[in-house]
Amino acid sequence: QVQLVESGGGLVQPGGSLRLSCAASGFTFSSYTMSWFRQAPGKERELVATSTGGTTNYADSAKGRFTISRDKSQNAVYLQMNSLKPEDTAVYYCVARRVEYGKMKTYWGQGTQVTVSS
């Protein structure tokens, strides 16, 4: 059974930091692209950061502030978020994706709330 369990969200003041964690199980972690998405109330879901084959990519809104990393030995992926802004407030989701037989296979975590407010 595939599981993606996020943790580490919470309330933080502007300028602060948070580290989100995602524990993965039930699939071959190393063969999947791992990403963090977020969705703020009333807004569309946004891809924040991706880690695949040793390469990382970031949304413009995350560049220079967020860092995605993965630990193959722990089947875990992390999102270090620094210099947080109120507009970073959202539910953050851990996502695993890969193409199988020409189709995208996607798994989602349940999400963790991040609130940036003074």
C-alpha atoms as a PDB file:
ATOM      1  CA  GLN A   1       0.000   0.000   0.000  1.00  0.00           C
ATOM      2  CA  VAL A   2       1.427   3.324  -1.066  1.00  0.00           C
ATOM      3  CA  GLN A   3       1.756   5.926   1.657  1.00  0.00           C
ATOM      4  CA  LEU A   4       3.096   9.464   1.632  1.00  0.00           C
ATOM      5  CA  VAL A   5       2.957  11.022   5.076  1.00  0.00           C
ATOM      6  CA  GLU A   6       3.858  14.691   5.454  1.00  0.00           C
ATOM      7  CA  SER A   7       4.846  16.388   8.671  1.00  0.00           C
ATOM      8  CA  GLY A   8       6.498  19.575   9.838  1.00  0.00           C
ATOM      9  CA  GLY A   9       3.867  22.149   8.990  1.00  0.00           C
ATOM     10  CA  GLY A  10       2.699  24.764  11.429  1.00  0.00           C
ATOM     11  CA  LEU A  11       2.471  28.436  12.231  1.00  0.00           C
ATOM     12  CA  VAL A  12       5.559  30.560  11.666  1.00  0.00           C
ATOM     13  CA  GLN A  13       6.228  34.275  11.600  1.00  0.00           C
ATOM     14  CA  PRO A  14       7.251  36.040   8.396  1.00  0.00           C
ATOM     15  CA  GLY A  15      10.952  35.584   7.829  1.00  0.00           C
ATOM     16  CA  GLY A  16      10.986  32.301   9.696  1.00  0.00           C
ATOM     17  CA  SER A  17      11.792  28.787   8.550  1.00  0.00           C
ATOM     18  CA  LEU A  18      10.117  25.402   8.438  1.00  0.00           C
ATOM     19  CA  ARG A  19      11.249  21.995   7.296  1.00  0.00           C
ATOM     20  CA  LEU A  20       8.617  19.722   5.835  1.00  0.00           C
ATOM     21  CA  SER A  21       9.180  15.988   5.769  1.00  0.00           C
ATOM     22  CA  CYS A  22       7.531  13.266   3.721  1.00  0.00           C
ATOM     23  CA  ALA A  23       7.888   9.605   4.598  1.00  0.00           C
ATOM     24  CA  ALA A  24       7.270   7.341   1.606  1.00  0.00           C
ATOM     25  CA  SER A  25       6.435   3.652   1.581  1.00  0.00           C
ATOM     26  CA  GLY A  26       4.832   1.015  -0.608  1.00  0.00           C
ATOM     27  CA  PHE A  27       6.627   1.852  -3.844  1.00  0.00           C
ATOM     28  CA  THR A  28      10.121   1.990  -5.329  1.00  0.00           C
ATOM     29  CA  PHE A  29      11.082   5.403  -4.026  1.00  0.00           C
ATOM     30  CA  SER A  30      14.249   5.806  -6.095  1.00  0.00           C
ATOM     31  CA  SER A  31      12.393   5.402  -9.387  1.00  0.00           C
ATOM     32  CA  TYR A  32       9.888   8.186  -8.766  1.00  0.00           C
ATOM     33  CA  THR A  33      10.091  11.911  -9.238  1.00  0.00           C
ATOM     34  CA  MET A  34       9.323  13.503  -5.891  1.00  0.00           C
ATOM     35  CA  SER A  35       7.705  16.898  -5.688  1.00  0.00           C
ATOM     36  CA  TRP A  36       6.094  19.339  -3.314  1.00  0.00           C
ATOM     37  CA  PHE A  37       2.900  21.066  -4.384  1.00  0.00           C
ATOM     38  CA  ARG A  38       0.903  23.606  -2.459  1.00  0.00           C
ATOM     39  CA  GLN A  39      -2.587  25.001  -2.559  1.00  0.00           C
ATOM     40  CA  ALA A  40      -3.758  28.163  -0.896  1.00  0.00           C
ATOM     41  CA  PRO A  41      -7.465  28.866  -0.241  1.00  0.00           C
ATOM     42  CA  GLY A  42      -9.170  30.034  -3.415  1.00  0.00           C
ATOM     43  CA  LYS A  43      -6.078  29.446  -5.529  1.00  0.00           C
ATOM     44  CA  GLU A  44      -4.966  26.781  -7.948  1.00  0.00           C
ATOM     45  CA  ARG A  45      -2.570  24.090  -6.913  1.00  0.00           C
ATOM     46  CA  GLU A  46       1.039  25.094  -7.541  1.00  0.00           C
ATOM     47  CA  LEU A  47       4.149  22.992  -8.130  1.00  0.00           C
ATOM     48  CA  VAL A  48       6.770  24.260  -5.696  1.00  0.00           C
ATOM     49  CA  ALA A  49       9.793  21.994  -6.109  1.00  0.00           C
ATOM     50  CA  THR A  50      10.834  18.759  -7.794  1.00  0.00           C
ATOM     51  CA  SER A  51      13.640  16.256  -7.326  1.00  0.00           C
ATOM     52  CA  THR A  52      14.390  13.733 -10.049  1.00  0.00           C
ATOM     53  CA  GLY A  53      17.554  11.921 -11.088  1.00  0.00           C
ATOM     54  CA  GLY A  54      19.714  14.167  -8.951  1.00  0.00           C
ATOM     55  CA  THR A  55      18.230  17.303 -10.470  1.00  0.00           C
ATOM     56  CA  THR A  56      16.087  19.816  -8.642  1.00  0.00           C
ATOM     57  CA  ASN A  57      13.735  22.433 -10.000  1.00  0.00           C
ATOM     58  CA  TYR A  58      11.806  25.187  -8.307  1.00  0.00           C
ATOM     59  CA  ALA A  59       8.941  27.502  -8.958  1.00  0.00           C
ATOM     60  CA  ASP A  60      10.046  31.106  -9.313  1.00  0.00           C
ATOM     61  CA  SER A  61       8.296  31.850  -6.025  1.00  0.00           C
ATOM     62  CA  ALA A  62      10.492  29.286  -4.253  1.00  0.00           C
ATOM     63  CA  LYS A  63      13.883  29.896  -5.861  1.00  0.00           C
ATOM     64  CA  GLY A  64      16.525  31.030  -3.415  1.00  0.00           C
ATOM     65  CA  ARG A  65      14.329  30.327  -0.387  1.00  0.00           C
ATOM     66  CA  PHE A  66      13.267  26.678  -0.582  1.00  0.00           C
ATOM     67  CA  THR A  67      15.386  23.563  -0.930  1.00  0.00           C
ATOM     68  CA  ILE A  68      14.108  20.098  -1.797  1.00  0.00           C
ATOM     69  CA  SER A  69      16.156  17.076  -0.831  1.00  0.00           C
ATOM     70  CA  ARG A  70      15.642  13.344  -0.652  1.00  0.00           C
ATOM     71  CA  ASP A  71      17.134  10.609   1.474  1.00  0.00           C
ATOM     72  CA  LYS A  72      17.084   7.303  -0.363  1.00  0.00           C
ATOM     73  CA  SER A  73      18.137   5.384   2.733  1.00  0.00           C
ATOM     74  CA  GLN A  74      15.085   6.700   4.611  1.00  0.00           C
ATOM     75  CA  ASN A  75      12.677   6.852   1.652  1.00  0.00           C
ATOM     76  CA  ALA A  76      12.045  10.442   2.585  1.00  0.00           C
ATOM     77  CA  VAL A  77      11.858  13.797   0.891  1.00  0.00           C
ATOM     78  CA  TYR A  78      12.180  17.161   2.559  1.00  0.00           C
ATOM     79  CA  LEU A  79      11.394  20.768   1.829  1.00  0.00           C
ATOM     80  CA  GLN A  80      13.449  23.323   3.721  1.00  0.00           C
ATOM     81  CA  MET A  81      11.661  26.655   3.599  1.00  0.00           C
ATOM     82  CA  ASN A  82      13.463  29.826   4.642  1.00  0.00           C
ATOM     83  CA  SER A  83      12.515  33.495   4.590  1.00  0.00           C
ATOM     84  CA  LEU A  84       8.869  32.554   4.656  1.00  0.00           C
ATOM     85  CA  LYS A  85       6.285  35.059   3.517  1.00  0.00           C
ATOM     86  CA  PRO A  86       2.548  35.311   4.228  1.00  0.00           C
ATOM     87  CA  GLU A  87       1.910  34.323   0.607  1.00  0.00           C
ATOM     88  CA  ASP A  88       3.578  30.966   1.319  1.00  0.00           C
ATOM     89  CA  THR A  89       0.568  30.077   3.458  1.00  0.00           C
ATOM     90  CA  ALA A  90      -0.983  26.940   1.974  1.00  0.00           C
ATOM     91  CA  VAL A  91      -1.486  23.235   2.373  1.00  0.00           C
ATOM     92  CA  TYR A  92       1.690  21.533   1.175  1.00  0.00           C
ATOM     93  CA  TYR A  93       1.500  18.136  -0.483  1.00  0.00           C
ATOM     94  CA  CYS A  94       4.164  15.532  -1.101  1.00  0.00           C
ATOM     95  CA  VAL A  95       3.755  13.896  -4.513  1.00  0.00           C
ATOM     96  CA  ALA A  96       5.380  10.913  -6.186  1.00  0.00           C
ATOM     97  CA  ARG A  97       5.166  10.567  -9.972  1.00  0.00           C
ATOM     98  CA  ARG A  98       6.539   8.444 -12.738  1.00  0.00           C
ATOM     99  CA  VAL A  99       5.514   7.387 -16.230  1.00  0.00           C
ATOM    100  CA  GLU A 100       4.384   3.788 -16.535  1.00  0.00           C
ATOM    101  CA  TYR A 101       3.429   2.336 -19.908  1.00  0.00           C
ATOM    102  CA  GLY A 102       3.006   5.813 -21.325  1.00  0.00           C
ATOM    103  CA  LYS A 103       0.786   7.072 -18.502  1.00  0.00           C
ATOM    104  CA  MET A 104       1.641   9.239 -15.527  1.00  0.00           C
ATOM    105  CA  LYS A 105       1.259   7.418 -12.244  1.00  0.00           C
ATOM    106  CA  THR A 106       0.795   9.795  -9.322  1.00  0.00           C
ATOM    107  CA  TYR A 107       0.545   9.406  -5.565  1.00  0.00           C
ATOM    108  CA  TRP A 108      -0.411  12.212  -3.177  1.00  0.00           C
ATOM    109  CA  GLY A 109       0.072  12.688   0.511  1.00  0.00           C
ATOM    110  CA  GLN A 110      -2.663  14.057   2.758  1.00  0.00           C
ATOM    111  CA  GLY A 111      -1.035  17.473   3.057  1.00  0.00           C
ATOM    112  CA  THR A 112       0.328  19.575   5.877  1.00  0.00           C
ATOM    113  CA  GLN A 113      -0.770  23.125   6.670  1.00  0.00           C
ATOM    114  CA  VAL A 114       1.782  25.919   6.628  1.00  0.00           C
ATOM    115  CA  THR A 115       0.657  29.280   7.948  1.00  0.00           C
ATOM    116  CA  VAL A 116       2.919  32.306   7.814  1.00  0.00           C
ATOM    117  CA  SER A 117       1.554  35.082   9.956  1.00  0.00           C
ATOM    118  CA  SER A 118       2.577  37.522  12.646  1.00  0.00           C
END
